[in-house]
N, C-alpha and C. Protein backbone atom coordinates (compact mmCIF):
# COMPACT_ATOMS: atom_id res chain seq x y z
N UNK A 1 2.88 11.00 -4.49
CA UNK A 1 3.94 10.63 -3.59
C UNK A 1 4.46 11.90 -2.92
N UNK A 2 5.12 11.77 -1.81
CA UNK A 2 5.54 12.91 -1.02
C UNK A 2 6.75 13.65 -1.60
N UNK A 3 7.00 14.79 -1.00
CA UNK A 3 8.12 15.63 -1.41
C UNK A 3 8.99 15.89 -0.20
N UNK A 4 10.28 16.10 -0.45
CA UNK A 4 11.20 16.48 0.62
C UNK A 4 11.65 17.89 0.33
N UNK A 5 11.44 18.79 1.29
CA UNK A 5 11.83 20.19 1.14
C UNK A 5 13.03 20.47 2.02
N UNK A 6 14.05 21.14 1.47
CA UNK A 6 15.29 21.38 2.21
C UNK A 6 15.48 22.80 2.70
N UNK A 7 14.43 23.58 2.81
CA UNK A 7 14.55 24.95 3.29
C UNK A 7 14.46 24.99 4.81
N UNK A 8 14.76 26.13 5.38
CA UNK A 8 14.63 26.38 6.81
C UNK A 8 15.55 25.51 7.66
N UNK A 9 16.68 25.13 7.13
CA UNK A 9 17.71 24.44 7.91
C UNK A 9 17.47 22.97 8.15
N UNK A 10 16.58 22.33 7.44
CA UNK A 10 16.33 20.91 7.62
C UNK A 10 15.60 20.34 6.42
N UNK A 11 15.23 19.12 6.50
CA UNK A 11 14.46 18.50 5.42
C UNK A 11 13.04 18.24 5.90
N UNK A 12 12.09 18.73 5.17
CA UNK A 12 10.68 18.56 5.53
C UNK A 12 10.09 17.50 4.63
N UNK A 13 9.48 16.47 5.22
CA UNK A 13 8.80 15.44 4.44
C UNK A 13 7.33 15.79 4.41
N UNK A 14 6.80 15.92 3.20
CA UNK A 14 5.38 16.25 3.02
C UNK A 14 4.74 15.25 2.09
N UNK A 15 3.49 14.91 2.34
CA UNK A 15 2.76 14.04 1.42
C UNK A 15 2.64 12.61 1.91
N UNK A 16 2.30 11.74 0.98
CA UNK A 16 2.02 10.34 1.31
C UNK A 16 3.24 9.47 1.04
N UNK A 17 3.57 8.60 2.00
CA UNK A 17 4.69 7.69 1.87
C UNK A 17 4.27 6.30 2.31
N UNK A 18 4.90 5.27 1.73
CA UNK A 18 4.60 3.90 2.21
C UNK A 18 5.30 3.62 3.53
N UNK A 19 4.68 2.80 4.33
CA UNK A 19 5.25 2.38 5.60
C UNK A 19 5.05 0.86 5.69
N UNK A 20 6.11 0.12 5.92
CA UNK A 20 6.05 -1.33 6.04
C UNK A 20 5.95 -1.72 7.52
N UNK A 21 5.03 -2.64 7.81
CA UNK A 21 4.76 -3.04 9.19
C UNK A 21 5.30 -4.43 9.48
N UNK A 22 5.83 -4.60 10.71
CA UNK A 22 6.24 -5.90 11.17
C UNK A 22 5.01 -6.75 11.45
N UNK A 23 5.03 -8.01 11.03
CA UNK A 23 3.83 -8.86 11.17
C UNK A 23 3.47 -9.14 12.62
N UNK A 24 4.42 -9.25 13.51
CA UNK A 24 4.12 -9.58 14.90
C UNK A 24 4.07 -8.32 15.77
N UNK A 25 3.34 -7.32 15.31
CA UNK A 25 3.27 -6.05 16.01
C UNK A 25 1.85 -5.60 16.24
N UNK A 26 1.68 -4.64 17.13
CA UNK A 26 0.38 -4.04 17.37
C UNK A 26 -0.08 -3.29 16.12
N UNK A 27 0.83 -2.65 15.43
CA UNK A 27 0.48 -1.91 14.21
C UNK A 27 -0.12 -2.86 13.17
N UNK A 28 0.50 -4.02 13.01
CA UNK A 28 -0.04 -4.98 12.04
C UNK A 28 -1.40 -5.48 12.50
N UNK A 29 -1.57 -5.72 13.80
CA UNK A 29 -2.86 -6.18 14.31
C UNK A 29 -3.96 -5.12 14.05
N UNK A 30 -3.59 -3.87 14.09
CA UNK A 30 -4.56 -2.80 13.85
C UNK A 30 -4.88 -2.67 12.36
N UNK A 31 -3.87 -2.66 11.51
CA UNK A 31 -4.08 -2.44 10.08
C UNK A 31 -4.36 -3.69 9.27
N UNK A 32 -3.93 -4.86 9.77
CA UNK A 32 -4.12 -6.14 9.09
C UNK A 32 -3.52 -6.16 7.68
N UNK A 33 -2.40 -5.50 7.52
CA UNK A 33 -1.65 -5.54 6.26
C UNK A 33 -0.21 -5.13 6.53
N UNK A 34 0.68 -5.48 5.60
CA UNK A 34 2.11 -5.20 5.83
C UNK A 34 2.56 -3.87 5.26
N UNK A 35 1.75 -3.24 4.42
CA UNK A 35 2.13 -1.92 3.89
C UNK A 35 0.96 -0.97 3.94
N UNK A 36 1.21 0.21 4.48
CA UNK A 36 0.21 1.27 4.55
C UNK A 36 0.80 2.53 3.92
N UNK A 37 -0.04 3.43 3.46
CA UNK A 37 0.39 4.71 2.94
C UNK A 37 -0.19 5.79 3.83
N UNK A 38 0.68 6.64 4.37
CA UNK A 38 0.24 7.64 5.33
C UNK A 38 0.81 9.01 4.96
N UNK A 39 0.14 10.05 5.45
CA UNK A 39 0.52 11.44 5.17
C UNK A 39 1.48 11.96 6.24
N UNK A 40 2.48 12.69 5.79
CA UNK A 40 3.51 13.21 6.67
C UNK A 40 3.61 14.72 6.56
N UNK A 41 4.08 15.31 7.62
CA UNK A 41 4.45 16.71 7.62
C UNK A 41 5.40 16.89 8.81
N UNK A 42 6.61 16.46 8.62
CA UNK A 42 7.57 16.56 9.71
C UNK A 42 8.99 16.72 9.20
N UNK A 43 9.84 17.11 10.09
CA UNK A 43 11.22 17.42 9.76
C UNK A 43 12.18 16.48 10.47
N UNK A 44 11.78 15.85 11.55
CA UNK A 44 12.69 15.09 12.40
C UNK A 44 12.38 13.60 12.37
N UNK A 45 13.37 12.80 12.74
CA UNK A 45 13.18 11.36 12.79
C UNK A 45 13.93 10.76 13.96
N UNK A 46 13.84 9.46 14.10
CA UNK A 46 14.51 8.74 15.18
C UNK A 46 15.99 8.54 14.81
N UNK A 47 16.86 8.77 15.78
CA UNK A 47 18.30 8.59 15.58
C UNK A 47 18.63 7.10 15.75
N UNK A 48 19.01 6.43 14.68
CA UNK A 48 19.24 4.98 14.68
C UNK A 48 20.40 4.57 15.61
N UNK A 49 21.23 5.51 16.03
CA UNK A 49 22.32 5.17 16.96
C UNK A 49 21.79 4.67 18.30
N UNK A 50 20.55 5.03 18.63
CA UNK A 50 19.96 4.64 19.90
C UNK A 50 19.03 3.44 19.81
N UNK A 51 18.91 2.85 18.64
CA UNK A 51 17.95 1.79 18.42
C UNK A 51 18.16 0.59 19.33
N UNK A 52 19.38 0.09 19.46
CA UNK A 52 19.64 -1.08 20.30
C UNK A 52 19.30 -0.81 21.77
N UNK A 53 19.61 0.37 22.24
CA UNK A 53 19.28 0.72 23.65
C UNK A 53 17.79 0.72 23.87
N UNK A 54 17.04 1.29 22.94
CA UNK A 54 15.59 1.34 23.06
C UNK A 54 14.98 -0.05 22.98
N UNK A 55 15.50 -0.87 22.06
CA UNK A 55 14.99 -2.25 21.93
C UNK A 55 15.25 -3.05 23.19
N UNK A 56 16.42 -2.86 23.79
CA UNK A 56 16.76 -3.56 25.02
C UNK A 56 15.82 -3.17 26.16
N UNK A 57 15.28 -1.97 26.11
CA UNK A 57 14.37 -1.50 27.15
C UNK A 57 12.92 -1.83 26.85
N UNK A 58 12.65 -2.54 25.72
CA UNK A 58 11.29 -2.97 25.43
C UNK A 58 10.59 -2.22 24.31
N UNK A 59 11.26 -1.30 23.65
CA UNK A 59 10.67 -0.56 22.54
C UNK A 59 10.68 -1.46 21.31
N UNK A 60 9.58 -1.47 20.57
CA UNK A 60 9.47 -2.23 19.32
C UNK A 60 9.36 -1.24 18.19
N UNK A 61 10.21 -1.41 17.18
CA UNK A 61 10.17 -0.57 15.99
C UNK A 61 9.37 -1.33 14.94
N UNK A 62 8.11 -0.99 14.82
CA UNK A 62 7.17 -1.84 14.05
C UNK A 62 6.82 -1.29 12.69
N UNK A 63 7.18 -0.07 12.37
CA UNK A 63 6.88 0.50 11.06
C UNK A 63 8.07 1.30 10.54
N UNK A 64 8.40 1.10 9.27
CA UNK A 64 9.55 1.77 8.69
C UNK A 64 9.36 1.90 7.18
N UNK A 65 10.15 2.80 6.60
CA UNK A 65 10.14 2.94 5.13
C UNK A 65 11.23 2.07 4.54
N UNK A 66 10.93 1.49 3.39
CA UNK A 66 11.92 0.63 2.75
C UNK A 66 13.00 1.43 2.05
N UNK A 67 12.66 2.60 1.52
CA UNK A 67 13.62 3.36 0.72
C UNK A 67 14.80 3.88 1.54
N UNK A 68 14.56 4.33 2.75
CA UNK A 68 15.68 4.87 3.53
C UNK A 68 15.68 4.36 4.97
N UNK A 69 14.88 3.37 5.26
CA UNK A 69 14.85 2.71 6.56
C UNK A 69 14.57 3.66 7.71
N UNK A 70 13.69 4.62 7.49
CA UNK A 70 13.28 5.53 8.56
C UNK A 70 12.30 4.81 9.47
N UNK A 71 12.42 5.03 10.76
CA UNK A 71 11.47 4.50 11.73
C UNK A 71 10.22 5.35 11.68
N UNK A 72 9.06 4.73 11.49
CA UNK A 72 7.80 5.44 11.37
C UNK A 72 6.81 5.14 12.49
N UNK A 73 6.94 3.93 13.09
CA UNK A 73 6.03 3.52 14.16
C UNK A 73 6.84 2.84 15.25
N UNK A 74 6.57 3.22 16.49
CA UNK A 74 7.18 2.57 17.65
C UNK A 74 6.08 2.10 18.59
N UNK A 75 6.37 1.04 19.33
CA UNK A 75 5.44 0.48 20.30
C UNK A 75 6.22 0.10 21.54
N UNK A 76 5.53 0.07 22.66
CA UNK A 76 6.16 -0.39 23.88
C UNK A 76 5.67 -1.80 24.16
N UNK A 77 6.62 -2.72 24.24
CA UNK A 77 6.32 -4.13 24.45
C UNK A 77 5.60 -4.32 25.78
N UNK A 78 4.64 -5.22 25.81
CA UNK A 78 3.88 -5.56 27.02
C UNK A 78 3.11 -4.40 27.61
N UNK A 79 2.65 -3.48 26.77
CA UNK A 79 1.79 -2.39 27.20
C UNK A 79 0.47 -2.50 26.44
N UNK A 80 -0.66 -2.24 27.10
CA UNK A 80 -1.94 -2.41 26.40
C UNK A 80 -2.11 -1.57 25.15
N UNK A 81 -1.57 -0.34 25.15
CA UNK A 81 -1.69 0.48 23.95
C UNK A 81 -0.71 1.65 24.02
N UNK A 82 0.54 1.37 23.77
CA UNK A 82 1.55 2.42 23.63
C UNK A 82 2.03 2.32 22.20
N UNK A 83 1.63 3.26 21.39
CA UNK A 83 2.04 3.28 19.99
C UNK A 83 2.27 4.75 19.59
N UNK A 84 3.38 5.00 18.94
CA UNK A 84 3.70 6.33 18.45
C UNK A 84 3.99 6.28 16.97
N UNK A 85 3.50 7.28 16.25
CA UNK A 85 3.68 7.30 14.79
C UNK A 85 4.22 8.63 14.33
N UNK A 86 4.95 8.62 13.25
CA UNK A 86 5.47 9.85 12.64
C UNK A 86 4.45 10.52 11.74
N UNK A 87 3.52 9.76 11.22
CA UNK A 87 2.52 10.32 10.30
C UNK A 87 1.37 10.95 11.11
N UNK A 88 0.41 11.49 10.44
CA UNK A 88 -0.69 12.22 11.06
C UNK A 88 -2.02 11.52 10.82
N UNK A 89 -2.43 10.60 11.72
CA UNK A 89 -3.70 9.91 11.54
C UNK A 89 -4.91 10.86 11.60
N UNK A 90 -4.77 11.97 12.29
CA UNK A 90 -5.90 12.91 12.39
C UNK A 90 -6.27 13.53 11.04
N UNK A 91 -5.34 13.51 10.08
CA UNK A 91 -5.63 14.06 8.77
C UNK A 91 -6.58 13.17 7.95
N UNK A 92 -6.68 11.91 8.35
CA UNK A 92 -7.55 10.97 7.62
C UNK A 92 -8.70 10.47 8.50
N UNK A 93 -8.94 11.11 9.61
CA UNK A 93 -9.98 10.69 10.55
C UNK A 93 -11.18 11.63 10.46
N UNK A 94 -12.36 11.01 10.51
CA UNK A 94 -13.62 11.77 10.49
C UNK A 94 -14.49 11.27 11.64
N UNK A 95 -15.47 12.05 12.03
CA UNK A 95 -16.32 11.69 13.15
C UNK A 95 -16.96 10.32 12.97
N UNK A 96 -17.52 10.08 11.79
CA UNK A 96 -18.19 8.80 11.54
C UNK A 96 -17.31 7.81 10.81
N UNK A 97 -16.07 8.14 10.61
CA UNK A 97 -15.10 7.25 9.96
C UNK A 97 -13.73 7.49 10.59
N UNK A 98 -13.58 7.14 11.89
CA UNK A 98 -12.31 7.42 12.58
C UNK A 98 -11.17 6.56 12.07
N UNK A 99 -9.98 7.09 12.21
CA UNK A 99 -8.78 6.36 11.82
C UNK A 99 -8.63 5.11 12.68
N UNK A 100 -8.02 4.09 12.12
CA UNK A 100 -7.88 2.81 12.82
C UNK A 100 -7.11 2.91 14.14
N UNK A 101 -6.13 3.81 14.21
CA UNK A 101 -5.38 3.99 15.45
C UNK A 101 -6.29 4.49 16.58
N UNK A 102 -7.19 5.41 16.25
CA UNK A 102 -8.10 5.95 17.27
C UNK A 102 -9.11 4.89 17.68
N UNK A 103 -9.61 4.12 16.72
CA UNK A 103 -10.55 3.03 17.06
C UNK A 103 -9.88 2.00 17.98
N UNK A 104 -8.66 1.66 17.67
CA UNK A 104 -7.93 0.68 18.48
C UNK A 104 -7.75 1.19 19.91
N UNK A 105 -7.44 2.47 20.06
CA UNK A 105 -7.30 3.06 21.39
C UNK A 105 -8.60 2.97 22.16
N UNK A 106 -9.71 3.30 21.52
CA UNK A 106 -11.02 3.26 22.18
C UNK A 106 -11.35 1.82 22.59
N UNK A 107 -11.04 0.85 21.73
CA UNK A 107 -11.30 -0.55 22.06
C UNK A 107 -10.53 -0.97 23.30
N UNK A 108 -9.28 -0.57 23.41
CA UNK A 108 -8.45 -0.93 24.57
C UNK A 108 -9.02 -0.27 25.81
N UNK A 109 -9.37 1.00 25.73
CA UNK A 109 -9.92 1.70 26.89
C UNK A 109 -11.21 1.02 27.36
N UNK A 110 -12.09 0.71 26.42
CA UNK A 110 -13.34 0.04 26.78
C UNK A 110 -13.11 -1.33 27.41
N UNK A 111 -12.20 -2.08 26.85
CA UNK A 111 -11.91 -3.42 27.37
C UNK A 111 -11.35 -3.32 28.79
N UNK A 112 -10.53 -2.33 29.05
CA UNK A 112 -9.90 -2.19 30.37
C UNK A 112 -10.84 -1.53 31.38
N UNK A 113 -11.89 -0.86 30.90
CA UNK A 113 -12.80 -0.18 31.82
C UNK A 113 -14.00 -1.06 32.17
N UNK A 114 -14.03 -2.27 31.67
CA UNK A 114 -15.14 -3.21 31.88
C UNK A 114 -16.44 -2.71 31.27
N UNK A 115 -16.36 -1.76 30.38
CA UNK A 115 -17.55 -1.29 29.68
C UNK A 115 -17.61 -2.00 28.34
N UNK A 116 -18.44 -3.00 28.25
CA UNK A 116 -18.50 -3.84 27.06
C UNK A 116 -19.61 -3.42 26.09
N UNK A 117 -20.38 -2.41 26.41
CA UNK A 117 -21.56 -2.05 25.62
C UNK A 117 -21.24 -1.84 24.14
N UNK A 118 -20.29 -0.97 23.84
CA UNK A 118 -20.00 -0.67 22.44
C UNK A 118 -19.39 -1.87 21.72
N UNK A 119 -18.56 -2.62 22.43
CA UNK A 119 -17.96 -3.80 21.81
C UNK A 119 -19.02 -4.85 21.53
N UNK A 120 -19.89 -5.11 22.51
CA UNK A 120 -20.94 -6.11 22.32
C UNK A 120 -21.92 -5.71 21.23
N UNK A 121 -22.20 -4.44 21.11
CA UNK A 121 -23.14 -3.95 20.08
C UNK A 121 -22.47 -3.82 18.71
N UNK A 122 -21.16 -4.11 18.67
CA UNK A 122 -20.41 -4.09 17.43
C UNK A 122 -20.31 -2.68 16.82
N UNK A 123 -20.38 -1.66 17.65
CA UNK A 123 -20.29 -0.28 17.15
C UNK A 123 -18.87 0.12 16.76
N UNK A 124 -17.88 -0.61 17.22
CA UNK A 124 -16.51 -0.22 16.92
C UNK A 124 -15.91 -1.01 15.75
N UNK A 125 -16.69 -1.80 15.09
CA UNK A 125 -16.20 -2.61 14.00
C UNK A 125 -16.94 -2.28 12.73
N UNK A 126 -16.33 -2.57 11.60
CA UNK A 126 -17.02 -2.44 10.34
C UNK A 126 -16.98 -1.04 9.72
N UNK A 127 -16.10 -0.17 10.25
CA UNK A 127 -16.00 1.16 9.64
C UNK A 127 -15.11 1.07 8.41
N UNK A 128 -15.13 2.09 7.62
CA UNK A 128 -14.30 2.12 6.40
C UNK A 128 -12.83 2.10 6.76
N UNK A 129 -12.02 1.65 5.85
CA UNK A 129 -10.58 1.56 6.07
C UNK A 129 -9.94 2.93 5.87
N UNK A 130 -9.07 3.30 6.78
CA UNK A 130 -8.32 4.55 6.63
C UNK A 130 -6.89 4.20 6.28
């Protein structure tokens, strides 16, 4: 499990933490589960005082921690692929085993570019779970 470090004038979150996903979200559609464990290395978070304003403008808060209700994933409603995460998917991504967020981005780009080759050949499906 992760650690919180309080040096250098802030709190640094390091390590693996659980993240709970909203069922009716892009994040859930990508991961196909309600809880994921991801690696962190950051000091800052979303200021909850602005949550209602962001939601009113179409921002969806789709991933959060249960222990302290930190926002971990945001999405933009009605956008083909606008998703932002606090964790580092690149730390678990490999050339022949890319992270699910990167695969989902490639799928959206291919679908919107009318290039169906990789999708039809099933090259973007069936990789290991990250």
